[in-house]
Amino acid sequence: MEHSSDMIEKECCSNEHGRKSHHSYKAKSNLISRLNRIEGQIRGIKGLIEKDTYCDDILNQIAAAQSALGGVGKLLLEGHMKSCVIERIQSGDHEVIDELLITVNKLMK
């Protein structure tokens, strides 16, 4: 059985418009499915606020949506590190480490 992060791992390449990642159809489908669920959660939270739902219940839904979005970020980060980062280091581009550290710091906020 394929691990979900393995589906994200694909090669990155540079082109005249900047770096670009190429995810498999299965990886994109997985990420889009997760994001669609998160989008539904956000709409649900909006509805709870509109209905004057008890604040603690809304806060719990916000925590769940944040956790789900964090999961998407972790999958992308893992795939990025296993493909793009390794590829760039192997080609002698060590600036990718600083870029990665900035990105990880943003994700950890």
Protein backbone atom coordinates (compact mmCIF):
# COMPACT_ATOMS: atom_id res chain seq x y z
CA MET A 1 0.00 0.00 0.00
CA GLU A 2 1.32 3.42 -0.95
CA HIS A 3 2.00 5.88 1.89
CA SER A 4 0.18 9.21 1.38
CA SER A 5 3.41 11.20 1.40
CA ASP A 6 4.84 8.94 -1.31
CA MET A 7 2.05 10.12 -3.60
CA ILE A 8 3.29 13.71 -3.25
CA GLU A 9 6.89 12.92 -4.15
CA LYS A 10 7.55 13.90 -7.73
CA GLU A 11 10.30 15.79 -9.44
CA CYS A 12 10.57 19.55 -9.48
CA CYS A 13 12.08 21.48 -12.28
CA SER A 14 12.89 25.02 -13.20
CA ASN A 15 11.58 26.80 -16.24
CA GLU A 16 11.61 30.36 -17.53
CA HIS A 17 8.68 31.21 -15.25
CA GLY A 18 10.34 29.92 -12.06
CA ARG A 19 10.35 26.65 -10.22
CA LYS A 20 7.40 24.34 -10.60
CA SER A 21 6.40 21.09 -8.96
CA HIS A 22 4.90 18.18 -10.85
CA HIS A 23 2.64 16.01 -8.71
CA SER A 24 1.12 12.77 -9.91
CA TYR A 25 -2.60 12.65 -10.67
CA LYS A 26 -3.10 10.56 -7.52
CA ALA A 27 -1.20 13.09 -5.36
CA LYS A 28 -3.12 16.04 -6.77
CA SER A 29 -6.39 14.20 -6.30
CA ASN A 30 -5.51 13.46 -2.66
CA LEU A 31 -4.54 17.07 -1.94
CA ILE A 32 -7.59 18.51 -3.70
CA SER A 33 -9.88 16.11 -1.84
CA ARG A 34 -8.38 17.19 1.48
CA LEU A 35 -8.68 20.87 0.53
CA ASN A 36 -12.30 20.41 -0.55
CA ARG A 37 -13.09 18.94 2.87
CA ILE A 38 -11.33 21.87 4.56
CA GLU A 39 -13.27 24.30 2.39
CA GLY A 40 -16.47 22.61 3.57
CA GLN A 41 -15.31 22.90 7.18
CA ILE A 42 -14.71 26.63 6.70
CA ARG A 43 -18.19 27.09 5.22
CA GLY A 44 -19.56 25.15 8.17
CA ILE A 45 -17.75 27.43 10.61
CA LYS A 46 -19.20 30.46 8.87
CA GLY A 47 -22.65 28.91 9.21
CA LEU A 48 -22.10 28.28 12.91
CA ILE A 49 -21.20 31.92 13.42
CA GLU A 50 -24.24 33.05 11.45
CA LYS A 51 -26.44 30.83 13.69
CA ASP A 52 -24.90 32.25 16.88
CA THR A 53 -23.58 28.82 17.89
CA TYR A 54 -21.84 28.51 21.24
CA CYS A 55 -18.29 29.89 20.91
CA ASP A 56 -16.54 26.78 22.27
CA ASP A 57 -18.19 24.65 19.59
CA ILE A 58 -17.01 27.06 16.88
CA LEU A 59 -13.48 27.14 18.32
CA ASN A 60 -13.35 23.33 18.24
CA GLN A 61 -14.33 23.37 14.56
CA ILE A 62 -11.66 25.99 13.85
CA ALA A 63 -9.06 23.78 15.57
CA ALA A 64 -10.14 20.82 13.42
CA ALA A 65 -9.85 22.90 10.22
CA GLN A 66 -6.41 24.17 11.24
CA SER A 67 -5.27 20.62 11.95
CA ALA A 68 -6.53 19.43 8.57
CA LEU A 69 -4.75 22.28 6.79
CA GLY A 70 -1.59 21.46 8.74
CA GLY A 71 -1.85 17.89 7.45
CA VAL A 72 -1.91 19.14 3.87
CA GLY A 73 1.12 21.30 4.61
CA LYS A 74 3.01 18.35 6.12
CA LEU A 75 2.34 16.18 3.07
CA LEU A 76 3.53 18.90 0.72
CA LEU A 77 6.60 19.62 2.85
CA GLU A 78 7.58 15.96 2.98
CA GLY A 79 7.22 15.56 -0.77
CA HIS A 80 9.12 18.80 -1.35
CA MET A 81 12.00 17.65 0.83
CA LYS A 82 12.16 14.20 -0.77
CA SER A 83 12.19 15.53 -4.30
CA CYS A 84 12.80 19.22 -4.98
CA VAL A 85 15.17 19.89 -2.09
CA ILE A 86 17.27 16.77 -2.71
CA GLU A 87 17.41 17.49 -6.44
CA ARG A 88 18.57 21.06 -5.89
CA ILE A 89 21.21 20.07 -3.32
CA GLN A 90 22.53 17.37 -5.66
CA SER A 91 22.82 19.97 -8.42
CA GLY A 92 24.90 22.18 -6.09
CA ASP A 93 22.14 24.67 -5.19
CA HIS A 94 22.54 24.94 -1.42
CA GLU A 95 20.39 28.09 -1.18
CA VAL A 96 17.44 25.70 -1.04
CA ILE A 97 18.31 25.03 2.62
CA ASP A 98 17.74 28.69 3.58
CA GLU A 99 14.52 28.70 1.53
CA LEU A 100 13.37 25.54 3.30
CA LEU A 101 14.14 26.95 6.76
CA ILE A 102 12.09 30.08 6.02
CA THR A 103 9.19 27.93 4.83
CA VAL A 104 9.33 25.62 7.87
CA ASN A 105 9.38 28.64 10.18
CA LYS A 106 6.27 30.00 8.46
CA LEU A 107 4.50 26.64 8.82
CA MET A 108 5.36 26.46 12.51
CA LYS A 109 3.82 29.82 13.42
